[in-house]
PDB file of N, CA and C in Angstrom:
ATOM      1  N   MET A   1       7.320  -7.740 -13.940  1.00  0.00           N
ATOM      2  CA  MET A   1       6.381  -6.869 -13.084  1.00  0.00           C
ATOM      3  C   MET A   1       6.513  -7.569 -11.730  1.00  0.00           C
ATOM      4  N   LEU A   2       6.360  -6.668 -10.684  1.00  0.00           N
ATOM      5  CA  LEU A   2       6.309  -6.990  -9.408  1.00  0.00           C
ATOM      6  C   LEU A   2       5.070  -6.711  -8.807  1.00  0.00           C
ATOM      7  N   LEU A   3       4.690  -7.327  -8.006  1.00  0.00           N
ATOM      8  CA  LEU A   3       3.195  -7.254  -7.100  1.00  0.00           C
ATOM      9  C   LEU A   3       3.450  -7.575  -5.633  1.00  0.00           C
ATOM     10  N   ILE A   4       2.897  -6.502  -4.969  1.00  0.00           N
ATOM     11  CA  ILE A   4       2.880  -6.344  -3.547  1.00  0.00           C
ATOM     12  C   ILE A   4       1.348  -6.887  -3.077  1.00  0.00           C
ATOM     13  N   ILE A   5       1.183  -7.871  -2.458  1.00  0.00           N
ATOM     14  CA  ILE A   5      -0.428  -8.127  -2.097  1.00  0.00           C
ATOM     15  C   ILE A   5      -0.403  -8.421  -0.636  1.00  0.00           C
ATOM     16  N   GLY A   6      -1.306  -7.960   0.012  1.00  0.00           N
ATOM     17  CA  GLY A   6      -1.542  -8.373   1.483  1.00  0.00           C
ATOM     18  C   GLY A   6      -2.403  -7.568   2.130  1.00  0.00           C
ATOM     19  N   THR A   7      -2.111  -7.600   3.464  1.00  0.00           N
ATOM     20  CA  THR A   7      -3.060  -6.804   4.425  1.00  0.00           C
ATOM     21  C   THR A   7      -2.217  -5.986   5.398  1.00  0.00           C
ATOM     22  N   VAL A   8      -2.933  -4.933   6.030  1.00  0.00           N
ATOM     23  CA  VAL A   8      -2.346  -4.203   7.312  1.00  0.00           C
ATOM     24  C   VAL A   8      -3.857  -4.049   8.159  1.00  0.00           C
ATOM     25  N   ARG A   9      -3.521  -3.994   9.308  1.00  0.00           N
ATOM     26  CA  ARG A   9      -4.576  -3.850  10.382  1.00  0.00           C
ATOM     27  C   ARG A   9      -4.502  -2.606  11.147  1.00  0.00           C
ATOM     28  N   LEU A  10      -5.749  -1.902  11.546  1.00  0.00           N
ATOM     29  CA  LEU A  10      -5.698  -0.702  12.299  1.00  0.00           C
ATOM     30  C   LEU A  10      -7.145  -0.657  12.950  1.00  0.00           C
ATOM     31  N   PRO A  11      -7.200  -0.124  14.043  1.00  0.00           N
ATOM     32  CA  PRO A  11      -8.442  -0.099  14.839  1.00  0.00           C
ATOM     33  C   PRO A  11      -9.613   0.540  13.859  1.00  0.00           C
ATOM     34  N   SER A  12     -10.657  -0.153  13.851  1.00  0.00           N
ATOM     35  CA  SER A  12     -11.636   0.454  13.060  1.00  0.00           C
ATOM     36  C   SER A  12     -12.008   2.041  13.472  1.00  0.00           C
ATOM     37  N   ASP A  13     -11.852   2.285  14.661  1.00  0.00           N
ATOM     38  CA  ASP A  13     -12.480   3.550  14.929  1.00  0.00           C
ATOM     39  C   ASP A  13     -11.368   4.696  14.683  1.00  0.00           C
ATOM     40  N   ARG A  14     -10.125   4.188  14.054  1.00  0.00           N
ATOM     41  CA  ARG A  14      -9.225   5.151  13.377  1.00  0.00           C
ATOM     42  C   ARG A  14      -9.184   5.319  11.930  1.00  0.00           C
ATOM     43  N   LEU A  15     -10.092   4.590  11.354  1.00  0.00           N
ATOM     44  CA  LEU A  15     -10.127   4.697   9.897  1.00  0.00           C
ATOM     45  C   LEU A  15     -10.434   6.091   9.214  1.00  0.00           C
ATOM     46  N   ASP A  16     -11.541   6.823   9.964  1.00  0.00           N
ATOM     47  CA  ASP A  16     -11.574   8.098   9.446  1.00  0.00           C
ATOM     48  C   ASP A  16     -10.403   8.873   9.491  1.00  0.00           C
ATOM     49  N   GLN A  17      -9.629   8.721  10.497  1.00  0.00           N
ATOM     50  CA  GLN A  17      -8.440   9.527  10.811  1.00  0.00           C
ATOM     51  C   GLN A  17      -7.314   9.157   9.840  1.00  0.00           C
ATOM     52  N   ALA A  18      -7.268   7.819   9.590  1.00  0.00           N
ATOM     53  CA  ALA A  18      -5.959   7.466   8.764  1.00  0.00           C
ATOM     54  C   ALA A  18      -6.412   7.643   7.100  1.00  0.00           C
ATOM     55  N   LYS A  19      -7.655   7.741   6.717  1.00  0.00           N
ATOM     56  CA  LYS A  19      -8.015   7.931   5.327  1.00  0.00           C
ATOM     57  C   LYS A  19      -7.330   9.023   4.479  1.00  0.00           C
ATOM     58  N   PRO A  20      -7.259  10.244   5.178  1.00  0.00           N
ATOM     59  CA  PRO A  20      -6.392  11.418   4.561  1.00  0.00           C
ATOM     60  C   PRO A  20      -4.916  10.894   4.313  1.00  0.00           C
ATOM     61  N   ALA A  21      -4.309  10.224   5.277  1.00  0.00           N
ATOM     62  CA  ALA A  21      -2.803   9.896   5.182  1.00  0.00           C
ATOM     63  C   ALA A  21      -2.762   8.794   4.159  1.00  0.00           C
ATOM     64  N   MET A  22      -3.757   7.841   4.086  1.00  0.00           N
ATOM     65  CA  MET A  22      -3.817   6.833   3.115  1.00  0.00           C
ATOM     66  C   MET A  22      -3.976   7.444   1.616  1.00  0.00           C
ATOM     67  N   GLN A  23      -4.854   8.520   1.581  1.00  0.00           N
ATOM     68  CA  GLN A  23      -5.068   9.003   0.139  1.00  0.00           C
ATOM     69  C   GLN A  23      -3.719   9.518  -0.328  1.00  0.00           C
ATOM     70  N   ARG A  24      -3.154  10.618   0.679  1.00  0.00           N
ATOM     71  CA  ARG A  24      -1.858  10.936   0.332  1.00  0.00           C
ATOM     72  C   ARG A  24      -0.877   9.964  -0.210  1.00  0.00           C
ATOM     73  N   MET A  25      -0.689   8.714   0.326  1.00  0.00           N
ATOM     74  CA  MET A  25       0.179   7.764  -0.059  1.00  0.00           C
ATOM     75  C   MET A  25      -0.241   7.134  -1.375  1.00  0.00           C
ATOM     76  N   ILE A  26      -1.339   6.842  -1.471  1.00  0.00           N
ATOM     77  CA  ILE A  26      -2.031   6.343  -2.683  1.00  0.00           C
ATOM     78  C   ILE A  26      -1.557   7.433  -3.839  1.00  0.00           C
ATOM     79  N   LEU A  27      -2.001   8.405  -3.760  1.00  0.00           N
ATOM     80  CA  LEU A  27      -1.742   9.560  -4.967  1.00  0.00           C
ATOM     81  C   LEU A  27      -0.247   9.555  -5.083  1.00  0.00           C
ATOM     82  N   ALA A  28       0.538   9.666  -4.304  1.00  0.00           N
ATOM     83  CA  ALA A  28       1.850  10.070  -4.520  1.00  0.00           C
ATOM     84  C   ALA A  28       2.476   8.883  -5.008  1.00  0.00           C
ATOM     85  N   SER A  29       2.131   7.477  -4.676  1.00  0.00           N
ATOM     86  CA  SER A  29       2.702   6.263  -5.279  1.00  0.00           C
ATOM     87  C   SER A  29       2.333   6.103  -6.597  1.00  0.00           C
ATOM     88  N   ARG A  30       1.084   6.541  -7.082  1.00  0.00           N
ATOM     89  CA  ARG A  30       0.524   6.245  -8.161  1.00  0.00           C
ATOM     90  C   ARG A  30       1.329   7.256  -9.210  1.00  0.00           C
ATOM     91  N   ALA A  31       1.675   8.324  -8.682  1.00  0.00           N
ATOM     92  CA  ALA A  31       2.459   9.332  -9.665  1.00  0.00           C
ATOM     93  C   ALA A  31       3.929   9.005  -9.788  1.00  0.00           C
ATOM     94  N   GLU A  32       4.466   7.888  -9.118  1.00  0.00           N
ATOM     95  CA  GLU A  32       5.712   7.501  -9.236  1.00  0.00           C
ATOM     96  C   GLU A  32       5.960   6.948 -10.566  1.00  0.00           C
ATOM     97  N   PRO A  33       7.222   7.119 -11.334  1.00  0.00           N
ATOM     98  CA  PRO A  33       7.623   6.314 -12.377  1.00  0.00           C
ATOM     99  C   PRO A  33       7.684   4.944 -12.107  1.00  0.00           C
ATOM    100  N   GLY A  34       7.318   3.902 -12.769  1.00  0.00           N
ATOM    101  CA  GLY A  34       7.176   2.338 -12.718  1.00  0.00           C
ATOM    102  C   GLY A  34       6.011   2.082 -11.805  1.00  0.00           C
ATOM    103  N   CYS A  35       5.214   2.948 -11.040  1.00  0.00           N
ATOM    104  CA  CYS A  35       3.959   2.489 -10.625  1.00  0.00           C
ATOM    105  C   CYS A  35       2.944   2.074 -11.459  1.00  0.00           C
ATOM    106  N   LEU A  36       2.597   0.738 -11.586  1.00  0.00           N
ATOM    107  CA  LEU A  36       1.307   0.432 -12.304  1.00  0.00           C
ATOM    108  C   LEU A  36       0.045   0.479 -11.599  1.00  0.00           C
ATOM    109  N   ASP A  37       0.036   0.187 -10.525  1.00  0.00           N
ATOM    110  CA  ASP A  37      -1.079   0.250  -9.488  1.00  0.00           C
ATOM    111  C   ASP A  37      -0.738   0.405  -8.033  1.00  0.00           C
ATOM    112  N   TYR A  38      -1.532   1.109  -7.275  1.00  0.00           N
ATOM    113  CA  TYR A  38      -1.347   1.171  -5.825  1.00  0.00           C
ATOM    114  C   TYR A  38      -2.718   1.549  -5.436  1.00  0.00           C
ATOM    115  N   SER A  39      -3.050   0.536  -4.583  1.00  0.00           N
ATOM    116  CA  SER A  39      -4.478   0.573  -3.942  1.00  0.00           C
ATOM    117  C   SER A  39      -4.528   0.172  -2.537  1.00  0.00           C
ATOM    118  N   TYR A  40      -5.601   0.697  -1.679  1.00  0.00           N
ATOM    119  CA  TYR A  40      -5.838   0.176  -0.452  1.00  0.00           C
ATOM    120  C   TYR A  40      -7.273   0.198  -0.419  1.00  0.00           C
ATOM    121  N   SER A  41      -7.952  -1.102   0.221  1.00  0.00           N
ATOM    122  CA  SER A  41      -9.381  -1.218   0.084  1.00  0.00           C
ATOM    123  C   SER A  41      -9.745  -1.976   1.492  1.00  0.00           C
ATOM    124  N   GLN A  42     -10.786  -1.311   2.249  1.00  0.00           N
ATOM    125  CA  GLN A  42     -11.298  -1.966   3.553  1.00  0.00           C
ATOM    126  C   GLN A  42     -12.062  -3.099   3.127  1.00  0.00           C
ATOM    127  N   ASP A  43     -11.852  -4.113   4.102  1.00  0.00           N
ATOM    128  CA  ASP A  43     -12.501  -5.379   4.095  1.00  0.00           C
ATOM    129  C   ASP A  43     -13.928  -5.366   4.318  1.00  0.00           C
ATOM    130  N   VAL A  44     -14.880  -5.812   3.564  1.00  0.00           N
ATOM    131  CA  VAL A  44     -16.257  -5.563   3.836  1.00  0.00           C
ATOM    132  C   VAL A  44     -16.774  -6.405   5.258  1.00  0.00           C
ATOM    133  N   LEU A  45     -16.174  -7.323   5.372  1.00  0.00           N
ATOM    134  CA  LEU A  45     -16.566  -8.311   6.691  1.00  0.00           C
ATOM    135  C   LEU A  45     -15.779  -7.642   8.005  1.00  0.00           C
ATOM    136  N   ASP A  46     -14.620  -6.884   7.803  1.00  0.00           N
ATOM    137  CA  ASP A  46     -13.656  -6.729   8.984  1.00  0.00           C
ATOM    138  C   ASP A  46     -13.222  -5.205   8.798  1.00  0.00           C
ATOM    139  N   ALA A  47     -13.937  -4.453   9.439  1.00  0.00           N
ATOM    140  CA  ALA A  47     -13.472  -2.922   9.238  1.00  0.00           C
ATOM    141  C   ALA A  47     -12.127  -2.484   9.262  1.00  0.00           C
ATOM    142  N   GLY A  48     -11.407  -3.170  10.318  1.00  0.00           N
ATOM    143  CA  GLY A  48     -10.210  -2.670  10.513  1.00  0.00           C
ATOM    144  C   GLY A  48      -9.118  -3.494   9.690  1.00  0.00           C
ATOM    145  N   LEU A  49      -9.495  -4.198   8.669  1.00  0.00           N
ATOM    146  CA  LEU A  49      -8.708  -5.074   7.874  1.00  0.00           C
ATOM    147  C   LEU A  49      -8.648  -4.065   6.625  1.00  0.00           C
ATOM    148  N   ILE A  50      -7.170  -3.824   6.066  1.00  0.00           N
ATOM    149  CA  ILE A  50      -7.140  -2.919   4.891  1.00  0.00           C
ATOM    150  C   ILE A  50      -6.156  -3.865   3.890  1.00  0.00           C
ATOM    151  N   HIS A  51      -6.781  -4.189   2.689  1.00  0.00           N
ATOM    152  CA  HIS A  51      -6.316  -4.931   1.698  1.00  0.00           C
ATOM    153  C   HIS A  51      -5.295  -3.959   0.950  1.00  0.00           C
ATOM    154  N   VAL A  52      -4.158  -4.423   0.538  1.00  0.00           N
ATOM    155  CA  VAL A  52      -3.075  -3.687   0.019  1.00  0.00           C
ATOM    156  C   VAL A  52      -2.754  -4.517  -1.662  1.00  0.00           C
ATOM    157  N   SER A  53      -2.687  -3.644  -2.638  1.00  0.00           N
ATOM    158  CA  SER A  53      -2.537  -4.137  -3.741  1.00  0.00           C
ATOM    159  C   SER A  53      -1.536  -3.153  -4.523  1.00  0.00           C
ATOM    160  N   GLU A  54      -0.319  -3.632  -4.901  1.00  0.00           N
ATOM    161  CA  GLU A  54       0.639  -2.766  -5.551  1.00  0.00           C
ATOM    162  C   GLU A  54       1.293  -3.377  -6.849  1.00  0.00           C
ATOM    163  N   ALA A  55       1.536  -2.658  -7.852  1.00  0.00           N
ATOM    164  CA  ALA A  55       2.188  -3.245  -9.006  1.00  0.00           C
ATOM    165  C   ALA A  55       3.091  -2.414  -9.534  1.00  0.00           C
ATOM    166  N   TRP A  56       4.453  -2.891  -9.674  1.00  0.00           N
ATOM    167  CA  TRP A  56       5.731  -2.163 -10.023  1.00  0.00           C
ATOM    168  C   TRP A  56       6.199  -2.613 -11.383  1.00  0.00           C
ATOM    169  N   ILE A  57       6.652  -1.805 -12.145  1.00  0.00           N
ATOM    170  CA  ILE A  57       7.347  -2.268 -13.553  1.00  0.00           C
ATOM    171  C   ILE A  57       8.628  -3.136 -13.244  1.00  0.00           C
ATOM    172  N   ASP A  58       9.384  -2.642 -12.124  1.00  0.00           N
ATOM    173  CA  ASP A  58      10.764  -3.531 -11.949  1.00  0.00           C
ATOM    174  C   ASP A  58      11.183  -3.293 -10.588  1.00  0.00           C
ATOM    175  N   ARG A  59      12.153  -3.961 -10.282  1.00  0.00           N
ATOM    176  CA  ARG A  59      12.767  -3.810  -8.856  1.00  0.00           C
ATOM    177  C   ARG A  59      13.231  -2.390  -8.645  1.00  0.00           C
ATOM    178  N   ALA A  60      13.757  -1.666  -9.725  1.00  0.00           N
ATOM    179  CA  ALA A  60      14.383  -0.302  -9.538  1.00  0.00           C
ATOM    180  C   ALA A  60      13.343   0.575  -8.975  1.00  0.00           C
ATOM    181  N   ALA A  61      12.016   0.594  -9.836  1.00  0.00           N
ATOM    182  CA  ALA A  61      11.044   1.460  -9.613  1.00  0.00           C
ATOM    183  C   ALA A  61      10.269   1.053  -7.964  1.00  0.00           C
ATOM    184  N   LEU A  62      10.682  -0.125  -7.480  1.00  0.00           N
ATOM    185  CA  LEU A  62      10.201  -0.521  -6.317  1.00  0.00           C
ATOM    186  C   LEU A  62      10.903   0.017  -5.174  1.00  0.00           C
ATOM    187  N   GLU A  63      12.375  -0.123  -5.503  1.00  0.00           N
ATOM    188  CA  GLU A  63      13.408   0.319  -4.508  1.00  0.00           C
ATOM    189  C   GLU A  63      13.225   2.084  -4.416  1.00  0.00           C
ATOM    190  N   ALA A  64      12.996   2.687  -5.548  1.00  0.00           N
ATOM    191  CA  ALA A  64      12.855   4.104  -5.683  1.00  0.00           C
ATOM    192  C   ALA A  64      11.712   4.557  -4.558  1.00  0.00           C
ATOM    193  N   HIS A  65      10.666   3.729  -4.785  1.00  0.00           N
ATOM    194  CA  HIS A  65       9.305   3.811  -4.021  1.00  0.00           C
ATOM    195  C   HIS A  65       9.662   3.824  -2.248  1.00  0.00           C
ATOM    196  N   PHE A  66      10.523   2.662  -2.114  1.00  0.00           N
ATOM    197  CA  PHE A  66      10.862   2.544  -0.622  1.00  0.00           C
ATOM    198  C   PHE A  66      11.769   3.636  -0.117  1.00  0.00           C
ATOM    199  N   LYS A  67      12.549   4.402  -1.011  1.00  0.00           N
ATOM    200  CA  LYS A  67      13.227   5.488  -0.599  1.00  0.00           C
ATOM    201  C   LYS A  67      12.463   6.900  -0.738  1.00  0.00           C
ATOM    202  N   SER A  68      11.012   6.888  -0.999  1.00  0.00           N
ATOM    203  CA  SER A  68      10.631   8.010  -1.249  1.00  0.00           C
ATOM    204  C   SER A  68      10.244   8.797   0.099  1.00  0.00           C
ATOM    205  N   ALA A  69      10.088  10.182  -0.053  1.00  0.00           N
ATOM    206  CA  ALA A  69       9.715  11.037   1.161  1.00  0.00           C
ATOM    207  C   ALA A  69       8.287  10.547   1.679  1.00  0.00           C
ATOM    208  N   HIS A  70       7.243  10.327   0.639  1.00  0.00           N
ATOM    209  CA  HIS A  70       5.896   9.918   1.111  1.00  0.00           C
ATOM    210  C   HIS A  70       5.907   8.672   1.722  1.00  0.00           C
ATOM    211  N   ILE A  71       6.796   7.608   1.544  1.00  0.00           N
ATOM    212  CA  ILE A  71       6.661   6.486   2.325  1.00  0.00           C
ATOM    213  C   ILE A  71       7.273   6.672   3.652  1.00  0.00           C
ATOM    214  N   ALA A  72       8.282   7.422   3.874  1.00  0.00           N
ATOM    215  CA  ALA A  72       8.828   7.801   5.238  1.00  0.00           C
ATOM    216  C   ALA A  72       7.671   8.276   6.045  1.00  0.00           C
ATOM    217  N   GLU A  73       6.852   9.475   5.325  1.00  0.00           N
ATOM    218  CA  GLU A  73       5.951  10.157   5.992  1.00  0.00           C
ATOM    219  C   GLU A  73       4.588   9.090   6.688  1.00  0.00           C
ATOM    220  N   TRP A  74       4.336   8.268   5.590  1.00  0.00           N
ATOM    221  CA  TRP A  74       3.442   7.207   5.911  1.00  0.00           C
ATOM    222  C   TRP A  74       3.758   6.327   7.020  1.00  0.00           C
ATOM    223  N   ARG A  75       5.040   5.672   6.930  1.00  0.00           N
ATOM    224  CA  ARG A  75       5.511   4.896   7.861  1.00  0.00           C
ATOM    225  C   ARG A  75       5.398   5.603   9.357  1.00  0.00           C
ATOM    226  N   ALA A  76       5.943   7.081   9.333  1.00  0.00           N
ATOM    227  CA  ALA A  76       5.963   7.599  10.726  1.00  0.00           C
ATOM    228  C   ALA A  76       4.527   7.773  11.177  1.00  0.00           C
ATOM    229  N   SER A  77       3.538   7.703  10.510  1.00  0.00           N
ATOM    230  CA  SER A  77       2.116   7.848  10.853  1.00  0.00           C
ATOM    231  C   SER A  77       1.699   6.638  11.547  1.00  0.00           C
ATOM    232  N   TRP A  78       2.093   5.472  11.445  1.00  0.00           N
ATOM    233  CA  TRP A  78       1.548   4.359  11.663  1.00  0.00           C
ATOM    234  C   TRP A  78       1.428   4.026  13.274  1.00  0.00           C
ATOM    235  N   ALA A  79       2.246   4.504  14.108  1.00  0.00           N
ATOM    236  CA  ALA A  79       2.120   4.305  15.658  1.00  0.00           C
ATOM    237  C   ALA A  79       0.876   5.148  15.994  1.00  0.00           C
ATOM    238  N   GLU A  80       0.655   6.414  15.613  1.00  0.00           N
ATOM    239  CA  GLU A  80      -0.332   7.281  16.027  1.00  0.00           C
ATOM    240  C   GLU A  80      -1.537   6.751  15.417  1.00  0.00           C
ATOM    241  N   LEU A  81      -1.593   6.088  14.165  1.00  0.00           N
ATOM    242  CA  LEU A  81      -2.769   5.414  13.583  1.00  0.00           C
ATOM    243  C   LEU A  81      -3.210   4.022  14.124  1.00  0.00           C
ATOM    244  N   GLY A  82      -2.254   3.406  14.928  1.00  0.00           N
ATOM    245  CA  GLY A  82      -2.313   2.285  15.265  1.00  0.00           C
ATOM    246  C   GLY A  82      -2.266   1.005  14.320  1.00  0.00           C
ATOM    247  N   ILE A  83      -1.695   1.577  13.082  1.00  0.00           N
ATOM    248  CA  ILE A  83      -1.382   0.535  11.854  1.00  0.00           C
ATOM    249  C   ILE A  83      -0.383  -0.479  12.554  1.00  0.00           C
ATOM    250  N   GLY A  84      -0.671  -1.910  12.165  1.00  0.00           N
ATOM    251  CA  GLY A  84       0.285  -3.137  12.442  1.00  0.00           C
ATOM    252  C   GLY A  84      -0.372  -4.200  11.863  1.00  0.00           C
ATOM    253  N   ASP A  85       0.344  -5.300  12.338  1.00  0.00           N
ATOM    254  CA  ASP A  85       0.061  -6.682  11.812  1.00  0.00           C
ATOM    255  C   ASP A  85       0.114  -6.677  10.381  1.00  0.00           C
ATOM    256  N   ARG A  86       1.098  -6.069   9.830  1.00  0.00           N
ATOM    257  CA  ARG A  86       1.286  -6.129   8.336  1.00  0.00           C
ATOM    258  C   ARG A  86       1.620  -7.356   7.788  1.00  0.00           C
ATOM    259  N   LYS A  87       0.831  -7.833   6.857  1.00  0.00           N
ATOM    260  CA  LYS A  87       1.214  -9.081   6.134  1.00  0.00           C
ATOM    261  C   LYS A  87       1.357  -8.834   4.476  1.00  0.00           C
ATOM    262  N   LEU A  88       2.454  -8.586   4.171  1.00  0.00           N
ATOM    263  CA  LEU A  88       2.829  -8.410   2.580  1.00  0.00           C
ATOM    264  C   LEU A  88       3.399  -9.179   1.899  1.00  0.00           C
ATOM    265  N   THR A  89       3.207  -9.454   0.801  1.00  0.00           N
ATOM    266  CA  THR A  89       4.163 -10.488   0.119  1.00  0.00           C
ATOM    267  C   THR A  89       4.409  -9.967  -1.214  1.00  0.00           C
ATOM    268  N   LEU A  90       5.622 -10.103  -1.521  1.00  0.00           N
ATOM    269  CA  LEU A  90       6.223  -9.724  -3.013  1.00  0.00           C
ATOM    270  C   LEU A  90       6.052 -10.645  -3.855  1.00  0.00           C
ATOM    271  N   PHE A  91       5.513 -10.787  -5.090  1.00  0.00           N
ATOM    272  CA  PHE A  91       5.447 -11.583  -6.261  1.00  0.00           C
ATOM    273  C   PHE A  91       6.192 -11.141  -7.388  1.00  0.00           C
ATOM    274  N   GLN A  92       6.884 -11.869  -8.026  1.00  0.00           N
ATOM    275  CA  GLN A  92       7.463 -11.693  -9.364  1.00  0.00           C
ATOM    276  C   GLN A  92       6.490 -12.225 -10.345  1.00  0.00           C
ATOM    277  N   THR A  93       5.952 -11.396 -11.544  1.00  0.00           N
ATOM    278  CA  THR A  93       5.192 -12.004 -12.440  1.00  0.00           C
ATOM    279  C   THR A  93       5.575 -11.662 -13.880  1.00  0.00           C
ATOM    280  N   ASP A  94       5.078 -12.408 -14.821  1.00  0.00           N
ATOM    281  CA  ASP A  94       5.329 -12.041 -16.190  1.00  0.00           C
ATOM    282  C   ASP A  94       4.284 -10.988 -16.695  1.00  0.00           C
ATOM    283  N   GLY A  95       3.541 -10.461 -15.913  1.00  0.00           N
ATOM    284  CA  GLY A  95       2.434  -9.580 -16.245  1.00  0.00           C
ATOM    285  C   GLY A  95       0.996 -10.300 -16.623  1.00  0.00           C
ATOM    286  N   GLY A  96       1.033 -11.472 -16.450  1.00  0.00           N
ATOM    287  CA  GLY A  96      -0.396 -12.366 -16.830  1.00  0.00           C
ATOM    288  C   GLY A  96      -1.017 -12.367 -17.815  1.00  0.00           C
ATOM    289  N   ALA A  97      -2.318 -12.728 -17.742  1.00  0.00           N
ATOM    290  CA  ALA A  97      -3.149 -12.575 -18.907  1.00  0.00           C
ATOM    291  C   ALA A  97      -4.619 -12.419 -18.591  1.00  0.00           C
ATOM    292  N   PRO A  98      -5.483 -11.626 -19.362  1.00  0.00           N
ATOM    293  CA  PRO A  98      -6.710 -11.574 -18.816  1.00  0.00           C
ATOM    294  C   PRO A  98      -7.481 -12.678 -18.753  1.00  0.00           C
ATOM    295  N   THR A  99      -8.465 -12.519 -17.679  1.00  0.00           N
ATOM    296  CA  THR A  99      -9.115 -13.848 -17.374  1.00  0.00           C
ATOM    297  C   THR A  99     -10.793 -13.484 -17.740  1.00  0.00           C
TER     298      THR A  99
END
């Protein structure tokens, strides 16, 4: 299993404008074969900080995601929405255990 964990930043006054694009990205990604989870969440203390959490079954599923039309559309919207300061890290895990 692969995990992508991190943050992206956007101006907090553009969050309402960004939400529809974020929702489309989440729904399309979750529908992809091999996607176990795909989530964005707004930081409680910093309105412009968005936490990113993704889980993929394997590298092939993640690579297909990177080539998808919806990720190209999402990335094309970044400049208009002011999305930047991406800090995402890829982790490989054995699936973990409940805690």
